[in-house]
Every structure is written in structure tokens, then in C-alpha cells.
Amino acid sequence: LVAWKSFQLRDACSDEVDYVPGLTPLDAIAAMLVLFFIAIETIADNQQYAFQTEKYRRKKAGEVICGDFLDGFLQSGLFSIVRKPNYASEQLIWCSYYLFSIAPRGFRLLNW
């Protein structure tokens, strides 16, 4: 059993896959996706900041609180599509990093 595991490890390590030199189209796609998801995170942060600032301003001024402000959390903009757009974007950034990792191996889906 130990010999079989050693053989599997040797076989996996001696995988003669040609690495693609330089940048590939997949690298460009991954870079654009990372930038897109960072932009989504930035937009979500700005929406949340504006909402919270307005909510506390209304409370402090003693104005009537209604709609999203009554619920206490944002339900419009990106938050109407996804409850936590920052979290979703962060996870998708990590998926984009995976695309960077498979690009030099010729689109091989597993990295081992």
C-alpha cells in the first residue's frame, strides 16, 4: 500500500505538462474579472455607507423613519440582488484567482 502511494506521488510529480510561457487570454479574462468584482465591492461599500449615514442622520434629526430605514438594513441597489454583495464579490475574486492558476498549464482544471 505504501509502495502504491509512492508510485502515485511519483507519477503525479513527473507529469510532463508544458507550461504556456507569458500571458494567455485566460490571464486577461481573470484580471478583468478581478477588477470587475473589486468594483462591485466598492459600489456596495459606497451604497452601504450612504445608507448608514442617512439612517443615523434621520435618527439624530428626529425625522420619520420609513422604508429601508425602518428595517435598519439596505434593500435596494446591489443589496436588492444579493443580500451581501461584498461577500459574494470576495468569493468570486477567489474563483478568478483560480483562473490565474490554470492558465499556465493549458487550461488543465486540476492543479495537481
PDB file of N, CA and C in Angstrom:
ATOM      1  N   LEU A   1       0.830  -1.192   0.000  1.00  0.00           N
ATOM      2  CA  LEU A   1       0.000   0.000   0.000  1.00  0.00           C
ATOM      3  C   LEU A   1       0.874   1.255   0.000  1.00  0.00           C
ATOM      4  N   VAL A   2       1.950   1.231   0.795  1.00  0.00           N
ATOM      5  CA  VAL A   2       2.853   2.380   0.825  1.00  0.00           C
ATOM      6  C   VAL A   2       3.536   2.535  -0.526  1.00  0.00           C
ATOM      7  N   ALA A   3       3.918   1.427  -1.125  1.00  0.00           N
ATOM      8  CA  ALA A   3       4.571   1.488  -2.435  1.00  0.00           C
ATOM      9  C   ALA A   3       3.613   2.054  -3.481  1.00  0.00           C
ATOM     10  N   TRP A   4       2.347   1.679  -3.395  1.00  0.00           N
ATOM     11  CA  TRP A   4       1.365   2.188  -4.357  1.00  0.00           C
ATOM     12  C   TRP A   4       1.204   3.697  -4.214  1.00  0.00           C
ATOM     13  N   LYS A   5       1.138   4.182  -2.972  1.00  0.00           N
ATOM     14  CA  LYS A   5       1.024   5.623  -2.737  1.00  0.00           C
ATOM     15  C   LYS A   5       2.266   6.348  -3.245  1.00  0.00           C
ATOM     16  N   SER A   6       3.429   5.753  -3.045  1.00  0.00           N
ATOM     17  CA  SER A   6       4.659   6.366  -3.545  1.00  0.00           C
ATOM     18  C   SER A   6       4.653   6.425  -5.069  1.00  0.00           C
ATOM     19  N   PHE A   7       4.160   5.370  -5.695  1.00  0.00           N
ATOM     20  CA  PHE A   7       4.073   5.358  -7.152  1.00  0.00           C
ATOM     21  C   PHE A   7       3.125   6.452  -7.647  1.00  0.00           C
ATOM     22  N   GLN A   8       1.993   6.603  -6.976  1.00  0.00           N
ATOM     23  CA  GLN A   8       1.043   7.644  -7.373  1.00  0.00           C
ATOM     24  C   GLN A   8       1.661   9.032  -7.228  1.00  0.00           C
ATOM     25  N   LEU A   9       2.380   9.254  -6.141  1.00  0.00           N
ATOM     26  CA  LEU A   9       3.023  10.543  -5.914  1.00  0.00           C
ATOM     27  C   LEU A   9       4.085  10.801  -6.981  1.00  0.00           C
ATOM     28  N   ARG A  10       4.904   9.786  -7.284  1.00  0.00           N
ATOM     29  CA  ARG A  10       5.927   9.947  -8.309  1.00  0.00           C
ATOM     30  C   ARG A  10       5.287  10.229  -9.661  1.00  0.00           C
ATOM     31  N   ASP A  11       4.209   9.532  -9.948  1.00  0.00           N
ATOM     32  CA  ASP A  11       3.525   9.725 -11.222  1.00  0.00           C
ATOM     33  C   ASP A  11       2.935  11.133 -11.322  1.00  0.00           C
ATOM     34  N   ALA A  12       2.371  11.619 -10.239  1.00  0.00           N
ATOM     35  CA  ALA A  12       1.784  12.965 -10.246  1.00  0.00           C
ATOM     36  C   ALA A  12       2.861  14.035 -10.361  1.00  0.00           C
ATOM     37  N   CYS A  13       4.004  13.811  -9.709  1.00  0.00           N
ATOM     38  CA  CYS A  13       5.076  14.808  -9.739  1.00  0.00           C
ATOM     39  C   CYS A  13       5.818  14.818 -11.073  1.00  0.00           C
ATOM     40  N   SER A  14       5.807  13.689 -11.776  1.00  0.00           N
ATOM     41  CA  SER A  14       6.536  13.643 -13.044  1.00  0.00           C
ATOM     42  C   SER A  14       5.641  13.996 -14.230  1.00  0.00           C
ATOM     43  N   ASP A  15       4.531  14.598 -13.951  1.00  0.00           N
ATOM     44  CA  ASP A  15       3.600  14.994 -15.013  1.00  0.00           C
ATOM     45  C   ASP A  15       4.286  16.006 -15.917  1.00  0.00           C
ATOM     46  N   GLU A  16       4.465  15.635 -17.150  1.00  0.00           N
ATOM     47  CA  GLU A  16       5.184  16.479 -18.104  1.00  0.00           C
ATOM     48  C   GLU A  16       4.212  17.367 -18.876  1.00  0.00           C
ATOM     49  N   VAL A  17       3.652  18.335 -18.197  1.00  0.00           N
ATOM     50  CA  VAL A  17       2.739  19.269 -18.846  1.00  0.00           C
ATOM     51  C   VAL A  17       3.537  20.493 -19.250  1.00  0.00           C
ATOM     52  N   ASP A  18       3.401  20.874 -20.500  1.00  0.00           N
ATOM     53  CA  ASP A  18       4.098  22.071 -20.969  1.00  0.00           C
ATOM     54  C   ASP A  18       3.397  23.305 -20.431  1.00  0.00           C
ATOM     55  N   TYR A  19       4.176  24.149 -19.811  1.00  0.00           N
ATOM     56  CA  TYR A  19       3.628  25.402 -19.320  1.00  0.00           C
ATOM     57  C   TYR A  19       3.612  26.417 -20.452  1.00  0.00           C
ATOM     58  N   VAL A  20       2.552  27.177 -20.516  1.00  0.00           N
ATOM     59  CA  VAL A  20       2.429  28.207 -21.540  1.00  0.00           C
ATOM     60  C   VAL A  20       3.234  29.416 -21.089  1.00  0.00           C
ATOM     61  N   PRO A  21       4.241  29.831 -21.851  1.00  0.00           N
ATOM     62  CA  PRO A  21       5.030  30.989 -21.425  1.00  0.00           C
ATOM     63  C   PRO A  21       4.246  32.283 -21.612  1.00  0.00           C
ATOM     64  N   GLY A  22       4.489  33.215 -20.744  1.00  0.00           N
ATOM     65  CA  GLY A  22       3.854  34.525 -20.871  1.00  0.00           C
ATOM     66  C   GLY A  22       2.393  34.516 -20.468  1.00  0.00           C
ATOM     67  N   LEU A  23       1.730  35.571 -20.866  1.00  0.00           N
ATOM     68  CA  LEU A  23       0.319  35.724 -20.530  1.00  0.00           C
ATOM     69  C   LEU A  23      -0.559  35.065 -21.582  1.00  0.00           C
ATOM     70  N   THR A  24      -1.682  34.562 -21.134  1.00  0.00           N
ATOM     71  CA  THR A  24      -2.643  33.923 -22.026  1.00  0.00           C
ATOM     72  C   THR A  24      -3.944  34.725 -22.022  1.00  0.00           C
ATOM     73  N   PRO A  25      -4.839  34.436 -22.938  1.00  0.00           N
ATOM     74  CA  PRO A  25      -6.143  35.108 -22.901  1.00  0.00           C
ATOM     75  C   PRO A  25      -6.890  34.861 -21.589  1.00  0.00           C
ATOM     76  N   LEU A  26      -6.679  33.691 -20.999  1.00  0.00           N
ATOM     77  CA  LEU A  26      -7.332  33.399 -19.721  1.00  0.00           C
ATOM     78  C   LEU A  26      -6.818  34.318 -18.615  1.00  0.00           C
ATOM     79  N   ASP A  27      -5.538  34.685 -18.672  1.00  0.00           N
ATOM     80  CA  ASP A  27      -4.999  35.650 -17.710  1.00  0.00           C
ATOM     81  C   ASP A  27      -5.708  36.995 -17.841  1.00  0.00           C
ATOM     82  N   ALA A  28      -5.943  37.422 -19.068  1.00  0.00           N
ATOM     83  CA  ALA A  28      -6.635  38.696 -19.293  1.00  0.00           C
ATOM     84  C   ALA A  28      -8.068  38.635 -18.779  1.00  0.00           C
ATOM     85  N   ILE A  29      -8.732  37.518 -19.029  1.00  0.00           N
ATOM     86  CA  ILE A  29     -10.106  37.357 -18.540  1.00  0.00           C
ATOM     87  C   ILE A  29     -10.127  37.374 -17.019  1.00  0.00           C
ATOM     88  N   ALA A  30      -9.199  36.647 -16.398  1.00  0.00           N
ATOM     89  CA  ALA A  30      -9.141  36.606 -14.936  1.00  0.00           C
ATOM     90  C   ALA A  30      -8.860  37.988 -14.361  1.00  0.00           C
ATOM     91  N   ALA A  31      -7.961  38.730 -14.980  1.00  0.00           N
ATOM     92  CA  ALA A  31      -7.645  40.082 -14.498  1.00  0.00           C
ATOM     93  C   ALA A  31      -8.862  40.993 -14.602  1.00  0.00           C
ATOM     94  N   MET A  32      -9.587  40.896 -15.717  1.00  0.00           N
ATOM     95  CA  MET A  32     -10.796  41.720 -15.868  1.00  0.00           C
ATOM     96  C   MET A  32     -11.859  41.338 -14.841  1.00  0.00           C
ATOM     97  N   LEU A  33     -11.981  40.050 -14.563  1.00  0.00           N
ATOM     98  CA  LEU A  33     -12.950  39.613 -13.560  1.00  0.00           C
ATOM     99  C   LEU A  33     -12.585  40.123 -12.175  1.00  0.00           C
ATOM    100  N   VAL A  34     -11.305  40.047 -11.819  1.00  0.00           N
ATOM    101  CA  VAL A  34     -10.872  40.553 -10.513  1.00  0.00           C
ATOM    102  C   VAL A  34     -11.192  42.038 -10.394  1.00  0.00           C
ATOM    103  N   LEU A  35     -10.865  42.811 -11.414  1.00  0.00           N
ATOM    104  CA  LEU A  35     -11.155  44.248 -11.379  1.00  0.00           C
ATOM    105  C   LEU A  35     -12.656  44.518 -11.318  1.00  0.00           C
ATOM    106  N   PHE A  36     -13.443  43.744 -12.044  1.00  0.00           N
ATOM    107  CA  PHE A  36     -14.893  43.905 -12.020  1.00  0.00           C
ATOM    108  C   PHE A  36     -15.448  43.641 -10.624  1.00  0.00           C
ATOM    109  N   PHE A  37     -14.995  42.561  -9.990  1.00  0.00           N
ATOM    110  CA  PHE A  37     -15.517  42.227  -8.664  1.00  0.00           C
ATOM    111  C   PHE A  37     -15.034  43.203  -7.597  1.00  0.00           C
ATOM    112  N   ILE A  38     -13.832  43.757  -7.769  1.00  0.00           N
ATOM    113  CA  ILE A  38     -13.380  44.813  -6.857  1.00  0.00           C
ATOM    114  C   ILE A  38     -14.262  46.045  -7.023  1.00  0.00           C
ATOM    115  N   ALA A  39     -14.636  46.353  -8.255  1.00  0.00           N
ATOM    116  CA  ALA A  39     -15.543  47.488  -8.497  1.00  0.00           C
ATOM    117  C   ALA A  39     -16.903  47.240  -7.851  1.00  0.00           C
ATOM    118  N   ILE A  40     -17.406  46.020  -7.937  1.00  0.00           N
ATOM    119  CA  ILE A  40     -18.685  45.682  -7.300  1.00  0.00           C
ATOM    120  C   ILE A  40     -18.579  45.862  -5.789  1.00  0.00           C
ATOM    121  N   GLU A  41     -17.472  45.417  -5.197  1.00  0.00           N
ATOM    122  CA  GLU A  41     -17.270  45.609  -3.756  1.00  0.00           C
ATOM    123  C   GLU A  41     -17.255  47.088  -3.399  1.00  0.00           C
ATOM    124  N   THR A  42     -16.593  47.894  -4.210  1.00  0.00           N
ATOM    125  CA  THR A  42     -16.516  49.331  -3.959  1.00  0.00           C
ATOM    126  C   THR A  42     -17.892  49.976  -4.047  1.00  0.00           C
ATOM    127  N   ILE A  43     -18.654  49.611  -5.053  1.00  0.00           N
ATOM    128  CA  ILE A  43     -20.007  50.155  -5.197  1.00  0.00           C
ATOM    129  C   ILE A  43     -20.869  49.755  -4.000  1.00  0.00           C
ATOM    130  N   ALA A  44     -20.781  48.502  -3.589  1.00  0.00           N
ATOM    131  CA  ALA A  44     -21.560  48.035  -2.440  1.00  0.00           C
ATOM    132  C   ALA A  44     -21.158  48.779  -1.170  1.00  0.00           C
ATOM    133  N   ASP A  45     -19.862  48.994  -0.976  1.00  0.00           N
ATOM    134  CA  ASP A  45     -19.402  49.753   0.194  1.00  0.00           C
ATOM    135  C   ASP A  45     -19.956  51.171   0.182  1.00  0.00           C
ATOM    136  N   ASN A  46     -19.920  51.817  -0.979  1.00  0.00           N
ATOM    137  CA  ASN A  46     -20.434  53.186  -1.077  1.00  0.00           C
ATOM    138  C   ASN A  46     -21.935  53.237  -0.829  1.00  0.00           C
ATOM    139  N   GLN A  47     -22.676  52.269  -1.347  1.00  0.00           N
ATOM    140  CA  GLN A  47     -24.116  52.229  -1.106  1.00  0.00           C
ATOM    141  C   GLN A  47     -24.414  52.029   0.377  1.00  0.00           C
ATOM    142  N   GLN A  48     -23.698  51.126   0.999  1.00  0.00           N
ATOM    143  CA  GLN A  48     -23.919  50.857   2.424  1.00  0.00           C
ATOM    144  C   GLN A  48     -23.539  52.066   3.275  1.00  0.00           C
ATOM    145  N   TYR A  49     -22.432  52.722   2.942  1.00  0.00           N
ATOM    146  CA  TYR A  49     -22.002  53.900   3.693  1.00  0.00           C
ATOM    147  C   TYR A  49     -23.033  55.021   3.577  1.00  0.00           C
ATOM    148  N   ALA A  50     -23.524  55.268   2.364  1.00  0.00           N
ATOM    149  CA  ALA A  50     -24.534  56.319   2.167  1.00  0.00           C
ATOM    150  C   ALA A  50     -25.813  55.986   2.926  1.00  0.00           C
ATOM    151  N   PHE A  51     -26.212  54.732   2.910  1.00  0.00           N
ATOM    152  CA  PHE A  51     -27.422  54.319   3.625  1.00  0.00           C
ATOM    153  C   PHE A  51     -27.265  54.515   5.130  1.00  0.00           C
ATOM    154  N   GLN A  52     -26.168  54.036   5.684  1.00  0.00           N
ATOM    155  CA  GLN A  52     -25.965  54.147   7.132  1.00  0.00           C
ATOM    156  C   GLN A  52     -25.833  55.604   7.565  1.00  0.00           C
ATOM    157  N   THR A  53     -25.152  56.412   6.765  1.00  0.00           N
ATOM    158  CA  THR A  53     -25.008  57.837   7.086  1.00  0.00           C
ATOM    159  C   THR A  53     -26.372  58.512   7.118  1.00  0.00           C
ATOM    160  N   GLU A  54     -27.193  58.241   6.120  1.00  0.00           N
ATOM    161  CA  GLU A  54     -28.534  58.836   6.058  1.00  0.00           C
ATOM    162  C   GLU A  54     -29.424  58.310   7.181  1.00  0.00           C
ATOM    163  N   LYS A  55     -29.309  57.038   7.500  1.00  0.00           N
ATOM    164  CA  LYS A  55     -30.115  56.450   8.574  1.00  0.00           C
ATOM    165  C   LYS A  55     -29.823  57.132   9.906  1.00  0.00           C
ATOM    166  N   TYR A  56     -28.553  57.295  10.226  1.00  0.00           N
ATOM    167  CA  TYR A  56     -28.204  57.926  11.503  1.00  0.00           C
ATOM    168  C   TYR A  56     -28.489  59.420  11.492  1.00  0.00           C
ATOM    169  N   ARG A  57     -28.402  60.052  10.323  1.00  0.00           N
ATOM    170  CA  ARG A  57     -28.765  61.466  10.232  1.00  0.00           C
ATOM    171  C   ARG A  57     -30.251  61.653  10.521  1.00  0.00           C
ATOM    172  N   ARG A  58     -31.079  60.786   9.948  1.00  0.00           N
ATOM    173  CA  ARG A  58     -32.522  60.869  10.183  1.00  0.00           C
ATOM    174  C   ARG A  58     -32.866  60.610  11.643  1.00  0.00           C
ATOM    175  N   LYS A  59     -32.215  59.625  12.249  1.00  0.00           N
ATOM    176  CA  LYS A  59     -32.474  59.341  13.666  1.00  0.00           C
ATOM    177  C   LYS A  59     -32.098  60.532  14.532  1.00  0.00           C
ATOM    178  N   LYS A  60     -30.938  61.107  14.250  1.00  0.00           N
ATOM    179  CA  LYS A  60     -30.460  62.240  15.041  1.00  0.00           C
ATOM    180  C   LYS A  60     -31.359  63.464  14.867  1.00  0.00           C
ATOM    181  N   ALA A  61     -31.878  63.674  13.649  1.00  0.00           N
ATOM    182  CA  ALA A  61     -32.737  64.832  13.369  1.00  0.00           C
ATOM    183  C   ALA A  61     -34.169  64.603  13.838  1.00  0.00           C
ATOM    184  N   GLY A  62     -34.495  63.389  14.231  1.00  0.00           N
ATOM    185  CA  GLY A  62     -35.843  63.087  14.693  1.00  0.00           C
ATOM    186  C   GLY A  62     -36.860  62.993  13.569  1.00  0.00           C
ATOM    187  N   GLU A  63     -36.405  62.738  12.362  1.00  0.00           N
ATOM    188  CA  GLU A  63     -37.306  62.623  11.218  1.00  0.00           C
ATOM    189  C   GLU A  63     -38.034  61.283  11.242  1.00  0.00           C
ATOM    190  N   VAL A  64     -39.117  61.223  10.480  1.00  0.00           N
ATOM    191  CA  VAL A  64     -39.871  59.980  10.367  1.00  0.00           C
ATOM    192  C   VAL A  64     -39.026  58.966   9.598  1.00  0.00           C
ATOM    193  N   ILE A  65     -38.913  57.785  10.163  1.00  0.00           N
ATOM    194  CA  ILE A  65     -38.112  56.732   9.541  1.00  0.00           C
ATOM    195  C   ILE A  65     -39.060  55.736   8.886  1.00  0.00           C
ATOM    196  N   CYS A  66     -38.852  55.487   7.590  1.00  0.00           N
ATOM    197  CA  CYS A  66     -39.715  54.553   6.867  1.00  0.00           C
ATOM    198  C   CYS A  66     -38.886  53.794   5.832  1.00  0.00           C
ATOM    199  N   GLY A  67     -39.515  52.787   5.234  1.00  0.00           N
ATOM    200  CA  GLY A  67     -38.855  52.010   4.183  1.00  0.00           C
ATOM    201  C   GLY A  67     -37.673  51.213   4.701  1.00  0.00           C
ATOM    202  N   ASP A  68     -36.600  51.245   3.929  1.00  0.00           N
ATOM    203  CA  ASP A  68     -35.384  50.519   4.313  1.00  0.00           C
ATOM    204  C   ASP A  68     -34.852  50.997   5.656  1.00  0.00           C
ATOM    205  N   PHE A  69     -35.023  52.287   5.937  1.00  0.00           N
ATOM    206  CA  PHE A  69     -34.503  52.842   7.186  1.00  0.00           C
ATOM    207  C   PHE A  69     -35.242  52.266   8.390  1.00  0.00           C
ATOM    208  N   LEU A  70     -36.521  51.953   8.221  1.00  0.00           N
ATOM    209  CA  LEU A  70     -37.294  51.353   9.300  1.00  0.00           C
ATOM    210  C   LEU A  70     -36.820  49.930   9.564  1.00  0.00           C
ATOM    211  N   ASP A  71     -36.513  49.205   8.496  1.00  0.00           N
ATOM    212  CA  ASP A  71     -35.997  47.838   8.653  1.00  0.00           C
ATOM    213  C   ASP A  71     -34.586  47.839   9.232  1.00  0.00           C
ATOM    214  N   GLY A  72     -33.835  48.898   8.953  1.00  0.00           N
ATOM    215  CA  GLY A  72     -32.490  49.011   9.502  1.00  0.00           C
ATOM    216  C   GLY A  72     -31.386  48.520   8.589  1.00  0.00           C
ATOM    217  N   PHE A  73     -31.755  47.927   7.468  1.00  0.00           N
ATOM    218  CA  PHE A  73     -30.716  47.480   6.542  1.00  0.00           C
ATOM    219  C   PHE A  73     -31.143  47.755   5.110  1.00  0.00           C
ATOM    220  N   LEU A  74     -30.153  47.909   4.263  1.00  0.00           N
ATOM    221  CA  LEU A  74     -30.352  48.301   2.874  1.00  0.00           C
ATOM    222  C   LEU A  74     -30.969  47.161   2.068  1.00  0.00           C
ATOM    223  N   GLN A  75     -31.979  47.505   1.266  1.00  0.00           N
ATOM    224  CA  GLN A  75     -32.645  46.504   0.434  1.00  0.00           C
ATOM    225  C   GLN A  75     -32.786  46.977  -1.009  1.00  0.00           C
ATOM    226  N   SER A  76     -32.027  47.982  -1.395  1.00  0.00           N
ATOM    227  CA  SER A  76     -32.078  48.482  -2.768  1.00  0.00           C
ATOM    228  C   SER A  76     -30.665  48.486  -3.346  1.00  0.00           C
ATOM    229  N   GLY A  77     -30.556  48.821  -4.620  1.00  0.00           N
ATOM    230  CA  GLY A  77     -29.243  48.810  -5.270  1.00  0.00           C
ATOM    231  C   GLY A  77     -28.733  47.387  -5.409  1.00  0.00           C
ATOM    232  N   LEU A  78     -27.449  47.196  -5.187  1.00  0.00           N
ATOM    233  CA  LEU A  78     -26.878  45.844  -5.249  1.00  0.00           C
ATOM    234  C   LEU A  78     -27.464  44.931  -4.188  1.00  0.00           C
ATOM    235  N   PHE A  79     -27.900  45.524  -3.085  1.00  0.00           N
ATOM    236  CA  PHE A  79     -28.437  44.738  -1.983  1.00  0.00           C
ATOM    237  C   PHE A  79     -29.819  44.172  -2.303  1.00  0.00           C
ATOM    238  N   SER A  80     -30.457  44.646  -3.367  1.00  0.00           N
ATOM    239  CA  SER A  80     -31.727  44.055  -3.788  1.00  0.00           C
ATOM    240  C   SER A  80     -31.497  42.788  -4.607  1.00  0.00           C
ATOM    241  N   ILE A  81     -30.304  42.640  -5.150  1.00  0.00           N
ATOM    242  CA  ILE A  81     -29.968  41.467  -5.959  1.00  0.00           C
ATOM    243  C   ILE A  81     -29.363  40.375  -5.083  1.00  0.00           C
ATOM    244  N   VAL A  82     -28.400  40.758  -4.260  1.00  0.00           N
ATOM    245  CA  VAL A  82     -27.692  39.833  -3.376  1.00  0.00           C
ATOM    246  C   VAL A  82     -27.694  40.449  -1.986  1.00  0.00           C
ATOM    247  N   ARG A  83     -27.983  39.655  -0.982  1.00  0.00           N
ATOM    248  CA  ARG A  83     -28.049  40.197   0.378  1.00  0.00           C
ATOM    249  C   ARG A  83     -26.696  40.734   0.839  1.00  0.00           C
ATOM    250  N   LYS A  84     -25.644  40.076   0.470  1.00  0.00           N
ATOM    251  CA  LYS A  84     -24.297  40.501   0.867  1.00  0.00           C
ATOM    252  C   LYS A  84     -23.412  40.579  -0.378  1.00  0.00           C
ATOM    253  N   PRO A  85     -23.500  41.667  -1.143  1.00  0.00           N
ATOM    254  CA  PRO A  85     -22.717  41.749  -2.387  1.00  0.00           C
ATOM    255  C   PRO A  85     -21.211  41.774  -2.150  1.00  0.00           C
ATOM    256  N   ASN A  86     -20.760  42.295  -1.013  1.00  0.00           N
ATOM    257  CA  ASN A  86     -19.323  42.301  -0.723  1.00  0.00           C
ATOM    258  C   ASN A  86     -18.803  40.875  -0.568  1.00  0.00           C
ATOM    259  N   TYR A  87     -19.542  40.075   0.175  1.00  0.00           N
ATOM    260  CA  TYR A  87     -19.140  38.687   0.399  1.00  0.00           C
ATOM    261  C   TYR A  87     -19.154  37.910  -0.918  1.00  0.00           C
ATOM    262  N   ALA A  88     -20.218  38.080  -1.703  1.00  0.00           N
ATOM    263  CA  ALA A  88     -20.311  37.383  -2.990  1.00  0.00           C
ATOM    264  C   ALA A  88     -19.158  37.788  -3.906  1.00  0.00           C
ATOM    265  N   SER A  89     -18.847  39.078  -3.952  1.00  0.00           N
ATOM    266  CA  SER A  89     -17.745  39.544  -4.803  1.00  0.00           C
ATOM    267  C   SER A  89     -16.411  39.000  -4.322  1.00  0.00           C
ATOM    268  N   GLU A  90     -16.227  38.963  -3.028  1.00  0.00           N
ATOM    269  CA  GLU A  90     -14.971  38.434  -2.482  1.00  0.00           C
ATOM    270  C   GLU A  90     -14.793  36.967  -2.866  1.00  0.00           C
ATOM    271  N   GLN A  91     -15.849  36.182  -2.766  1.00  0.00           N
ATOM    272  CA  GLN A  91     -15.761  34.773  -3.147  1.00  0.00           C
ATOM    273  C   GLN A  91     -15.475  34.622  -4.643  1.00  0.00           C
ATOM    274  N   LEU A  92     -16.074  35.482  -5.452  1.00  0.00           N
ATOM    275  CA  LEU A  92     -15.842  35.414  -6.895  1.00  0.00           C
ATOM    276  C   LEU A  92     -14.436  35.885  -7.271  1.00  0.00           C
ATOM    277  N   ILE A  93     -13.850  36.762  -6.464  1.00  0.00           N
ATOM    278  CA  ILE A  93     -12.446  37.136  -6.679  1.00  0.00           C
ATOM    279  C   ILE A  93     -11.556  35.909  -6.485  1.00  0.00           C
ATOM    280  N   TRP A  94     -11.843  35.117  -5.459  1.00  0.00           N
ATOM    281  CA  TRP A  94     -11.061  33.903  -5.239  1.00  0.00           C
ATOM    282  C   TRP A  94     -11.239  32.919  -6.391  1.00  0.00           C
ATOM    283  N   CYS A  95     -12.426  32.839  -6.949  1.00  0.00           N
ATOM    284  CA  CYS A  95     -12.637  31.986  -8.133  1.00  0.00           C
ATOM    285  C   CYS A  95     -11.829  32.505  -9.318  1.00  0.00           C
ATOM    286  N   SER A  96     -11.703  33.817  -9.427  1.00  0.00           N
ATOM    287  CA  SER A  96     -10.895  34.405 -10.501  1.00  0.00           C
ATOM    288  C   SER A  96      -9.415  34.077 -10.309  1.00  0.00           C
ATOM    289  N   TYR A  97      -8.953  34.037  -9.059  1.00  0.00           N
ATOM    290  CA  TYR A  97      -7.568  33.643  -8.800  1.00  0.00           C
ATOM    291  C   TYR A  97      -7.317  32.221  -9.303  1.00  0.00           C
ATOM    292  N   TYR A  98      -8.318  31.373  -9.186  1.00  0.00           N
ATOM    293  CA  TYR A  98      -8.186  30.011  -9.695  1.00  0.00           C
ATOM    294  C   TYR A  98      -7.916  30.025 -11.198  1.00  0.00           C
ATOM    295  N   LEU A  99      -8.566  30.933 -11.916  1.00  0.00           N
ATOM    296  CA  LEU A  99      -8.325  31.026 -13.361  1.00  0.00           C
ATOM    297  C   LEU A  99      -6.870  31.375 -13.655  1.00  0.00           C
ATOM    298  N   PHE A 100      -6.273  32.238 -12.814  1.00  0.00           N
ATOM    299  CA  PHE A 100      -4.844  32.541 -12.971  1.00  0.00           C
ATOM    300  C   PHE A 100      -4.001  31.278 -12.801  1.00  0.00           C
ATOM    301  N   SER A 101      -4.426  30.395 -11.905  1.00  0.00           N
ATOM    302  CA  SER A 101      -3.614  29.214 -11.613  1.00  0.00           C
ATOM    303  C   SER A 101      -3.685  28.167 -12.713  1.00  0.00           C
ATOM    304  N   ILE A 102      -4.789  28.108 -13.459  1.00  0.00           N
ATOM    305  CA  ILE A 102      -4.873  27.091 -14.513  1.00  0.00           C
ATOM    306  C   ILE A 102      -4.393  27.605 -15.862  1.00  0.00           C
ATOM    307  N   ALA A 103      -4.249  28.899 -16.019  1.00  0.00           N
ATOM    308  CA  ALA A 103      -3.843  29.459 -17.315  1.00  0.00           C
ATOM    309  C   ALA A 103      -2.486  28.941 -17.797  1.00  0.00           C
ATOM    310  N   PRO A 104      -1.435  28.883 -16.968  1.00  0.00           N
ATOM    311  CA  PRO A 104      -0.140  28.439 -17.489  1.00  0.00           C
ATOM    312  C   PRO A 104      -0.071  26.947 -17.799  1.00  0.00           C
ATOM    313  N   ARG A 105      -1.027  26.178 -17.323  1.00  0.00           N
ATOM    314  CA  ARG A 105      -0.982  24.736 -17.559  1.00  0.00           C
ATOM    315  C   ARG A 105      -1.840  24.322 -18.734  1.00  0.00           C
ATOM    316  N   GLY A 106      -2.242  25.274 -19.552  1.00  0.00           N
ATOM    317  CA  GLY A 106      -3.015  24.929 -20.727  1.00  0.00           C
ATOM    318  C   GLY A 106      -4.448  24.533 -20.417  1.00  0.00           C
ATOM    319  N   PHE A 107      -5.070  25.238 -19.507  1.00  0.00           N
ATOM    320  CA  PHE A 107      -6.476  25.025 -19.145  1.00  0.00           C
ATOM    321  C   PHE A 107      -6.724  23.683 -18.472  1.00  0.00           C
ATOM    322  N   ARG A 108      -5.719  23.104 -17.884  1.00  0.00           N
ATOM    323  CA  ARG A 108      -5.908  21.873 -17.127  1.00  0.00           C
ATOM    324  C   ARG A 108      -6.641  22.235 -15.842  1.00  0.00           C
ATOM    325  N   LEU A 109      -7.774  21.601 -15.576  1.00  0.00           N
ATOM    326  CA  LEU A 109      -8.653  22.036 -14.495  1.00  0.00           C
ATOM    327  C   LEU A 109      -8.130  21.731 -13.103  1.00  0.00           C
ATOM    328  N   LEU A 110      -7.353  20.676 -12.955  1.00  0.00           N
ATOM    329  CA  LEU A 110      -6.797  20.346 -11.646  1.00  0.00           C
ATOM    330  C   LEU A 110      -5.327  20.723 -11.625  1.00  0.00           C
ATOM    331  N   ASN A 111      -4.895  21.285 -10.521  1.00  0.00           N
ATOM    332  CA  ASN A 111      -3.523  21.790 -10.432  1.00  0.00           C
ATOM    333  C   ASN A 111      -2.550  20.795  -9.810  1.00  0.00           C
ATOM    334  N   TRP A 112      -2.939  19.576  -9.699  1.00  0.00           N
ATOM    335  CA  TRP A 112      -2.007  18.604  -9.157  1.00  0.00           C
ATOM    336  C   TRP A 112      -1.894  17.414 -10.055  1.00  0.00           C
TER     337      TRP A 112
END
